[in-house]
Amino acid sequence: MTRETLEELIENFALFDDWEERYRYLIDLGRTLPAMDDGLKNEETLVRGCTSKVWIVPHIEGAGGNAVFTFTADSDAHIVRGLIAILDRAYQGRTINDIREIDIDAAFTKIGLNQNLSPNRRNGFYSMVEKIKAVAG
């Protein structure tokens, strides 16, 4: 089974009629994330600006714009794990050049998260994006 792309994920969210269903889908997405080793959950990997605990461990293989970005991440909140899954679809395995071109704001709006997430969750999402972009350069 292949993971859907960010564009396919946006299309999948559009299939749901209400936000109750979309939240369930978001939580289900979070369940698809691989487990993160508890030893990686520390102050260094903790994302600041999130109400829930979120840890991201980035990895870059190669150099320059064609270097490939991967990351492992986890949260203690189900909805936030779903948000991590969206970031996984957007950034996982992409080159640094590709990451610079991804319009995560547009995806966030198309999915409807800008209107349906609490301000704290929205801020947390963008704190994760900032950490990814800072590492990816």
N, C-alpha and C. Protein backbone atom coordinates (compact mmCIF):
# COMPACT_ATOMS: atom_id res chain seq x y z
N MET A 1 0.84 -1.18 0.00
CA MET A 1 0.00 0.00 0.00
C MET A 1 0.89 1.24 0.00
N THR A 2 0.62 2.14 -0.90
CA THR A 2 1.42 3.36 -0.97
C THR A 2 0.71 4.48 -0.20
N ARG A 3 1.51 5.38 0.34
CA ARG A 3 0.95 6.53 1.04
C ARG A 3 0.42 7.52 0.02
N GLU A 4 -0.67 8.16 0.38
CA GLU A 4 -1.19 9.18 -0.51
C GLU A 4 -0.30 10.41 -0.49
N THR A 5 -0.32 11.14 -1.57
CA THR A 5 0.42 12.39 -1.64
C THR A 5 -0.37 13.46 -0.91
N LEU A 6 0.22 14.62 -0.73
CA LEU A 6 -0.48 15.73 -0.10
C LEU A 6 -1.72 16.10 -0.92
N GLU A 7 -1.61 16.10 -2.23
CA GLU A 7 -2.74 16.44 -3.09
C GLU A 7 -3.87 15.42 -2.93
N GLU A 8 -3.53 14.15 -2.85
CA GLU A 8 -4.55 13.11 -2.64
C GLU A 8 -5.19 13.25 -1.27
N LEU A 9 -4.39 13.63 -0.29
CA LEU A 9 -4.91 13.83 1.06
C LEU A 9 -5.93 14.97 1.07
N ILE A 10 -5.63 16.04 0.37
CA ILE A 10 -6.56 17.18 0.25
C ILE A 10 -7.87 16.70 -0.38
N GLU A 11 -7.77 15.90 -1.44
CA GLU A 11 -8.96 15.36 -2.10
C GLU A 11 -9.75 14.46 -1.15
N ASN A 12 -9.05 13.65 -0.35
CA ASN A 12 -9.73 12.77 0.60
C ASN A 12 -10.50 13.57 1.64
N PHE A 13 -9.92 14.64 2.15
CA PHE A 13 -10.62 15.47 3.13
C PHE A 13 -11.89 16.06 2.52
N ALA A 14 -11.85 16.41 1.24
CA ALA A 14 -13.01 17.00 0.57
C ALA A 14 -14.18 16.02 0.46
N LEU A 15 -13.92 14.73 0.58
CA LEU A 15 -14.99 13.73 0.48
C LEU A 15 -15.91 13.73 1.69
N PHE A 16 -15.45 14.29 2.80
CA PHE A 16 -16.25 14.27 4.03
C PHE A 16 -17.16 15.49 4.10
N ASP A 17 -18.39 15.25 4.54
CA ASP A 17 -19.38 16.31 4.57
C ASP A 17 -19.26 17.24 5.77
N ASP A 18 -18.80 16.72 6.90
CA ASP A 18 -18.73 17.57 8.08
C ASP A 18 -17.40 17.39 8.79
N TRP A 19 -17.16 18.30 9.74
CA TRP A 19 -15.87 18.28 10.41
C TRP A 19 -15.71 17.17 11.42
N GLU A 20 -16.81 16.62 11.88
CA GLU A 20 -16.72 15.45 12.76
C GLU A 20 -16.04 14.30 12.02
N GLU A 21 -16.45 14.09 10.76
CA GLU A 21 -15.85 13.03 9.94
C GLU A 21 -14.40 13.36 9.60
N ARG A 22 -14.13 14.62 9.33
CA ARG A 22 -12.76 15.03 9.01
C ARG A 22 -11.82 14.85 10.20
N TYR A 23 -12.31 15.16 11.40
CA TYR A 23 -11.50 14.94 12.60
C TYR A 23 -11.19 13.45 12.78
N ARG A 24 -12.19 12.61 12.54
CA ARG A 24 -11.97 11.16 12.65
C ARG A 24 -10.90 10.72 11.64
N TYR A 25 -11.01 11.25 10.43
CA TYR A 25 -10.01 10.93 9.40
C TYR A 25 -8.63 11.42 9.81
N LEU A 26 -8.56 12.61 10.38
CA LEU A 26 -7.29 13.17 10.84
C LEU A 26 -6.67 12.27 11.91
N ILE A 27 -7.50 11.82 12.85
CA ILE A 27 -7.01 10.92 13.91
C ILE A 27 -6.56 9.60 13.31
N ASP A 28 -7.31 9.08 12.34
CA ASP A 28 -6.91 7.83 11.67
C ASP A 28 -5.56 8.00 10.95
N LEU A 29 -5.35 9.17 10.34
CA LEU A 29 -4.06 9.44 9.69
C LEU A 29 -2.92 9.36 10.70
N GLY A 30 -3.16 9.91 11.89
CA GLY A 30 -2.14 9.88 12.94
C GLY A 30 -1.78 8.47 13.34
N ARG A 31 -2.74 7.57 13.25
CA ARG A 31 -2.47 6.17 13.61
C ARG A 31 -1.57 5.47 12.59
N THR A 32 -1.41 6.07 11.41
CA THR A 32 -0.56 5.45 10.38
C THR A 32 0.92 5.78 10.60
N LEU A 33 1.21 6.71 11.49
CA LEU A 33 2.61 7.09 11.72
C LEU A 33 3.36 5.95 12.39
N PRO A 34 4.60 5.73 11.99
CA PRO A 34 5.41 4.72 12.70
C PRO A 34 5.70 5.18 14.12
N ALA A 35 5.88 4.24 15.00
CA ALA A 35 6.19 4.56 16.40
C ALA A 35 7.54 5.26 16.48
N MET A 36 7.64 6.17 17.41
CA MET A 36 8.91 6.88 17.65
C MET A 36 9.51 6.33 18.92
N ASP A 37 10.77 6.01 18.87
CA ASP A 37 11.49 5.50 20.04
C ASP A 37 11.41 6.53 21.17
N ASP A 38 11.01 6.08 22.35
CA ASP A 38 10.89 6.99 23.48
C ASP A 38 12.20 7.69 23.82
N GLY A 39 13.33 7.07 23.49
CA GLY A 39 14.63 7.67 23.74
C GLY A 39 14.86 8.94 22.93
N LEU A 40 14.10 9.10 21.84
CA LEU A 40 14.23 10.30 21.01
C LEU A 40 13.36 11.46 21.50
N LYS A 41 12.50 11.18 22.46
CA LYS A 41 11.60 12.20 22.99
C LYS A 41 12.29 12.90 24.15
N ASN A 42 12.93 14.03 23.84
CA ASN A 42 13.67 14.77 24.86
C ASN A 42 13.56 16.27 24.60
N GLU A 43 14.19 17.05 25.43
CA GLU A 43 14.12 18.51 25.32
C GLU A 43 14.65 19.02 23.97
N GLU A 44 15.67 18.35 23.46
CA GLU A 44 16.28 18.78 22.20
C GLU A 44 15.34 18.60 21.00
N THR A 45 14.52 17.55 21.04
CA THR A 45 13.64 17.26 19.91
C THR A 45 12.23 17.82 20.11
N LEU A 46 11.96 18.37 21.29
CA LEU A 46 10.65 18.93 21.60
C LEU A 46 10.42 20.19 20.77
N VAL A 47 9.23 20.30 20.18
CA VAL A 47 8.88 21.48 19.38
C VAL A 47 8.26 22.52 20.30
N ARG A 48 8.83 23.69 20.32
CA ARG A 48 8.31 24.79 21.13
C ARG A 48 7.13 25.43 20.41
N GLY A 49 6.16 25.89 21.17
CA GLY A 49 5.01 26.58 20.57
C GLY A 49 3.79 25.69 20.42
N CYS A 50 3.91 24.44 20.84
CA CYS A 50 2.79 23.51 20.75
C CYS A 50 2.20 23.31 22.15
N THR A 51 0.89 23.32 22.25
CA THR A 51 0.23 23.06 23.52
C THR A 51 0.46 21.61 23.94
N SER A 52 0.31 20.70 22.97
CA SER A 52 0.59 19.28 23.22
C SER A 52 2.09 19.06 23.10
N LYS A 53 2.56 17.96 23.60
CA LYS A 53 3.97 17.62 23.43
C LYS A 53 4.16 17.07 22.01
N VAL A 54 5.13 17.63 21.29
CA VAL A 54 5.46 17.20 19.93
C VAL A 54 6.97 17.11 19.83
N TRP A 55 7.43 15.99 19.29
CA TRP A 55 8.86 15.80 19.08
C TRP A 55 9.11 15.55 17.61
N ILE A 56 10.15 16.19 17.07
CA ILE A 56 10.56 15.97 15.67
C ILE A 56 12.05 15.73 15.65
N VAL A 57 12.43 14.64 14.98
CA VAL A 57 13.84 14.33 14.78
C VAL A 57 14.08 14.35 13.26
N PRO A 58 14.71 15.42 12.76
CA PRO A 58 14.96 15.53 11.33
C PRO A 58 16.25 14.83 10.92
N HIS A 59 16.32 14.49 9.64
CA HIS A 59 17.53 13.89 9.09
C HIS A 59 17.66 14.35 7.64
N ILE A 60 18.85 14.78 7.27
CA ILE A 60 19.11 15.18 5.89
C ILE A 60 20.23 14.31 5.35
N GLU A 61 19.96 13.70 4.21
CA GLU A 61 20.95 12.85 3.56
C GLU A 61 21.39 13.51 2.26
N GLY A 62 22.67 13.75 2.18
CA GLY A 62 23.21 14.41 1.00
C GLY A 62 23.52 15.86 1.32
N ALA A 63 23.80 16.62 0.27
CA ALA A 63 24.16 18.02 0.46
C ALA A 63 23.49 18.87 -0.62
N GLY A 64 23.36 20.15 -0.31
CA GLY A 64 22.80 21.08 -1.27
C GLY A 64 21.30 20.89 -1.47
N GLY A 65 20.80 21.47 -2.53
CA GLY A 65 19.37 21.45 -2.83
C GLY A 65 18.79 20.08 -3.12
N ASN A 66 19.65 19.13 -3.52
CA ASN A 66 19.16 17.78 -3.81
C ASN A 66 19.25 16.84 -2.62
N ALA A 67 19.69 17.36 -1.47
CA ALA A 67 19.71 16.54 -0.26
C ALA A 67 18.28 16.14 0.06
N VAL A 68 18.11 14.95 0.63
CA VAL A 68 16.78 14.43 0.92
C VAL A 68 16.49 14.58 2.41
N PHE A 69 15.31 15.13 2.69
CA PHE A 69 14.86 15.38 4.05
C PHE A 69 13.92 14.27 4.51
N THR A 70 14.18 13.72 5.68
CA THR A 70 13.26 12.78 6.31
C THR A 70 13.14 13.18 7.78
N PHE A 71 12.10 12.70 8.42
CA PHE A 71 11.95 12.99 9.84
C PHE A 71 11.10 11.93 10.51
N THR A 72 11.30 11.83 11.81
CA THR A 72 10.47 11.02 12.68
C THR A 72 9.81 12.00 13.63
N ALA A 73 8.53 11.80 13.90
CA ALA A 73 7.83 12.71 14.81
C ALA A 73 6.74 11.97 15.56
N ASP A 74 6.36 12.55 16.69
CA ASP A 74 5.29 11.97 17.50
C ASP A 74 4.69 13.06 18.37
N SER A 75 3.52 12.78 18.90
CA SER A 75 2.85 13.69 19.82
C SER A 75 2.07 12.88 20.84
N ASP A 76 1.74 13.52 21.94
CA ASP A 76 0.92 12.87 22.96
C ASP A 76 -0.57 13.11 22.71
N ALA A 77 -0.93 13.79 21.60
CA ALA A 77 -2.33 14.08 21.27
C ALA A 77 -2.69 13.47 19.92
N HIS A 78 -3.86 12.84 19.85
CA HIS A 78 -4.29 12.16 18.63
C HIS A 78 -4.44 13.10 17.43
N ILE A 79 -5.08 14.25 17.64
CA ILE A 79 -5.26 15.19 16.52
C ILE A 79 -3.91 15.70 16.03
N VAL A 80 -3.01 15.96 16.95
CA VAL A 80 -1.68 16.45 16.56
C VAL A 80 -0.92 15.38 15.79
N ARG A 81 -1.08 14.12 16.16
CA ARG A 81 -0.46 13.05 15.37
C ARG A 81 -1.01 13.08 13.94
N GLY A 82 -2.29 13.41 13.79
CA GLY A 82 -2.87 13.56 12.45
C GLY A 82 -2.25 14.71 11.69
N LEU A 83 -1.99 15.81 12.39
CA LEU A 83 -1.32 16.95 11.76
C LEU A 83 0.09 16.57 11.33
N ILE A 84 0.77 15.79 12.17
CA ILE A 84 2.10 15.30 11.80
C ILE A 84 2.01 14.44 10.54
N ALA A 85 0.96 13.64 10.43
CA ALA A 85 0.78 12.80 9.24
C ALA A 85 0.61 13.66 7.98
N ILE A 86 -0.06 14.80 8.11
CA ILE A 86 -0.18 15.71 6.97
C ILE A 86 1.21 16.25 6.59
N LEU A 87 1.99 16.63 7.58
CA LEU A 87 3.35 17.11 7.31
C LEU A 87 4.21 16.00 6.72
N ASP A 88 3.97 14.79 7.16
CA ASP A 88 4.68 13.63 6.62
C ASP A 88 4.41 13.52 5.11
N ARG A 89 3.15 13.67 4.72
CA ARG A 89 2.79 13.58 3.29
C ARG A 89 3.40 14.74 2.51
N ALA A 90 3.52 15.88 3.15
CA ALA A 90 4.05 17.07 2.47
C ALA A 90 5.56 17.04 2.32
N TYR A 91 6.28 16.62 3.38
CA TYR A 91 7.73 16.82 3.41
C TYR A 91 8.59 15.56 3.41
N GLN A 92 8.07 14.46 3.85
CA GLN A 92 8.87 13.24 4.01
C GLN A 92 9.48 12.77 2.69
N GLY A 93 10.80 12.61 2.68
CA GLY A 93 11.49 12.08 1.51
C GLY A 93 11.66 13.06 0.37
N ARG A 94 11.36 14.32 0.60
CA ARG A 94 11.49 15.35 -0.43
C ARG A 94 12.90 15.94 -0.40
N THR A 95 13.29 16.52 -1.52
CA THR A 95 14.58 17.22 -1.55
C THR A 95 14.41 18.58 -0.89
N ILE A 96 15.52 19.16 -0.50
CA ILE A 96 15.51 20.49 0.11
C ILE A 96 14.88 21.50 -0.85
N ASN A 97 15.22 21.40 -2.13
CA ASN A 97 14.63 22.30 -3.13
C ASN A 97 13.11 22.13 -3.18
N ASP A 98 12.62 20.89 -3.14
CA ASP A 98 11.18 20.63 -3.16
C ASP A 98 10.50 21.23 -1.94
N ILE A 99 11.12 21.08 -0.78
CA ILE A 99 10.53 21.58 0.46
C ILE A 99 10.33 23.08 0.39
N ARG A 100 11.26 23.78 -0.21
CA ARG A 100 11.15 25.23 -0.34
C ARG A 100 9.96 25.64 -1.20
N GLU A 101 9.54 24.75 -2.10
CA GLU A 101 8.45 25.06 -3.04
C GLU A 101 7.07 24.66 -2.53
N ILE A 102 7.00 23.87 -1.48
CA ILE A 102 5.71 23.38 -0.99
C ILE A 102 4.95 24.51 -0.32
N ASP A 103 3.71 24.72 -0.77
CA ASP A 103 2.86 25.75 -0.18
C ASP A 103 1.95 25.10 0.86
N ILE A 104 2.50 24.91 2.05
CA ILE A 104 1.75 24.24 3.11
C ILE A 104 0.56 25.09 3.56
N ASP A 105 0.66 26.41 3.43
CA ASP A 105 -0.47 27.29 3.78
C ASP A 105 -1.68 26.99 2.90
N ALA A 106 -1.44 26.81 1.60
CA ALA A 106 -2.53 26.51 0.68
C ALA A 106 -3.17 25.16 1.01
N ALA A 107 -2.34 24.17 1.31
CA ALA A 107 -2.86 22.85 1.67
C ALA A 107 -3.68 22.95 2.95
N PHE A 108 -3.18 23.66 3.93
CA PHE A 108 -3.85 23.85 5.21
C PHE A 108 -5.24 24.45 4.99
N THR A 109 -5.32 25.46 4.09
CA THR A 109 -6.58 26.12 3.78
C THR A 109 -7.51 25.20 3.00
N LYS A 110 -6.98 24.49 1.99
CA LYS A 110 -7.82 23.59 1.18
C LYS A 110 -8.44 22.49 2.03
N ILE A 111 -7.69 21.99 2.98
CA ILE A 111 -8.21 20.94 3.87
C ILE A 111 -9.27 21.55 4.80
N GLY A 112 -9.17 22.84 5.07
CA GLY A 112 -10.12 23.52 5.94
C GLY A 112 -9.64 23.64 7.38
N LEU A 113 -8.38 23.31 7.60
CA LEU A 113 -7.85 23.35 8.96
C LEU A 113 -7.79 24.77 9.50
N ASN A 114 -7.61 25.75 8.63
CA ASN A 114 -7.51 27.13 9.08
C ASN A 114 -8.80 27.59 9.76
N GLN A 115 -9.94 27.01 9.38
CA GLN A 115 -11.23 27.40 9.95
C GLN A 115 -11.68 26.49 11.09
N ASN A 116 -11.15 25.28 11.14
CA ASN A 116 -11.71 24.28 12.04
C ASN A 116 -10.79 23.81 13.16
N LEU A 117 -9.58 24.30 13.18
CA LEU A 117 -8.68 23.97 14.29
C LEU A 117 -8.67 25.12 15.28
N SER A 118 -8.45 24.81 16.53
CA SER A 118 -8.32 25.87 17.53
C SER A 118 -7.06 26.67 17.24
N PRO A 119 -7.03 27.92 17.69
CA PRO A 119 -5.81 28.73 17.48
C PRO A 119 -4.56 28.06 18.05
N ASN A 120 -4.67 27.37 19.18
CA ASN A 120 -3.51 26.70 19.76
C ASN A 120 -3.01 25.58 18.85
N ARG A 121 -3.92 24.78 18.30
CA ARG A 121 -3.52 23.70 17.39
C ARG A 121 -2.91 24.28 16.11
N ARG A 122 -3.51 25.35 15.62
CA ARG A 122 -3.00 26.01 14.40
C ARG A 122 -1.58 26.52 14.65
N ASN A 123 -1.36 27.17 15.80
CA ASN A 123 -0.03 27.65 16.15
C ASN A 123 0.95 26.49 16.27
N GLY A 124 0.51 25.40 16.87
CA GLY A 124 1.36 24.23 17.00
C GLY A 124 1.75 23.65 15.65
N PHE A 125 0.78 23.60 14.73
CA PHE A 125 1.04 23.10 13.37
C PHE A 125 2.14 23.94 12.73
N TYR A 126 2.00 25.25 12.82
CA TYR A 126 2.99 26.11 12.18
C TYR A 126 4.33 26.11 12.92
N SER A 127 4.33 25.80 14.20
CA SER A 127 5.60 25.61 14.92
C SER A 127 6.34 24.39 14.37
N MET A 128 5.58 23.34 14.05
CA MET A 128 6.21 22.15 13.44
C MET A 128 6.75 22.49 12.06
N VAL A 129 5.97 23.23 11.27
CA VAL A 129 6.41 23.63 9.92
C VAL A 129 7.69 24.47 10.02
N GLU A 130 7.71 25.39 10.96
CA GLU A 130 8.90 26.25 11.14
C GLU A 130 10.13 25.43 11.48
N LYS A 131 9.96 24.42 12.34
CA LYS A 131 11.10 23.58 12.70
C LYS A 131 11.61 22.81 11.48
N ILE A 132 10.69 22.27 10.69
CA ILE A 132 11.08 21.53 9.48
C ILE A 132 11.80 22.46 8.52
N LYS A 133 11.24 23.64 8.28
CA LYS A 133 11.86 24.57 7.33
C LYS A 133 13.21 25.08 7.82
N ALA A 134 13.35 25.25 9.14
CA ALA A 134 14.62 25.71 9.69
C ALA A 134 15.71 24.66 9.47
N VAL A 135 15.37 23.41 9.64
CA VAL A 135 16.34 22.32 9.45
C VAL A 135 16.65 22.16 7.96
N ALA A 136 15.59 22.26 7.13
CA ALA A 136 15.78 22.07 5.69
C ALA A 136 16.45 23.26 5.03
N GLY A 137 16.49 24.38 5.73
CA GLY A 137 17.17 25.56 5.20
C GLY A 137 16.32 26.30 4.25
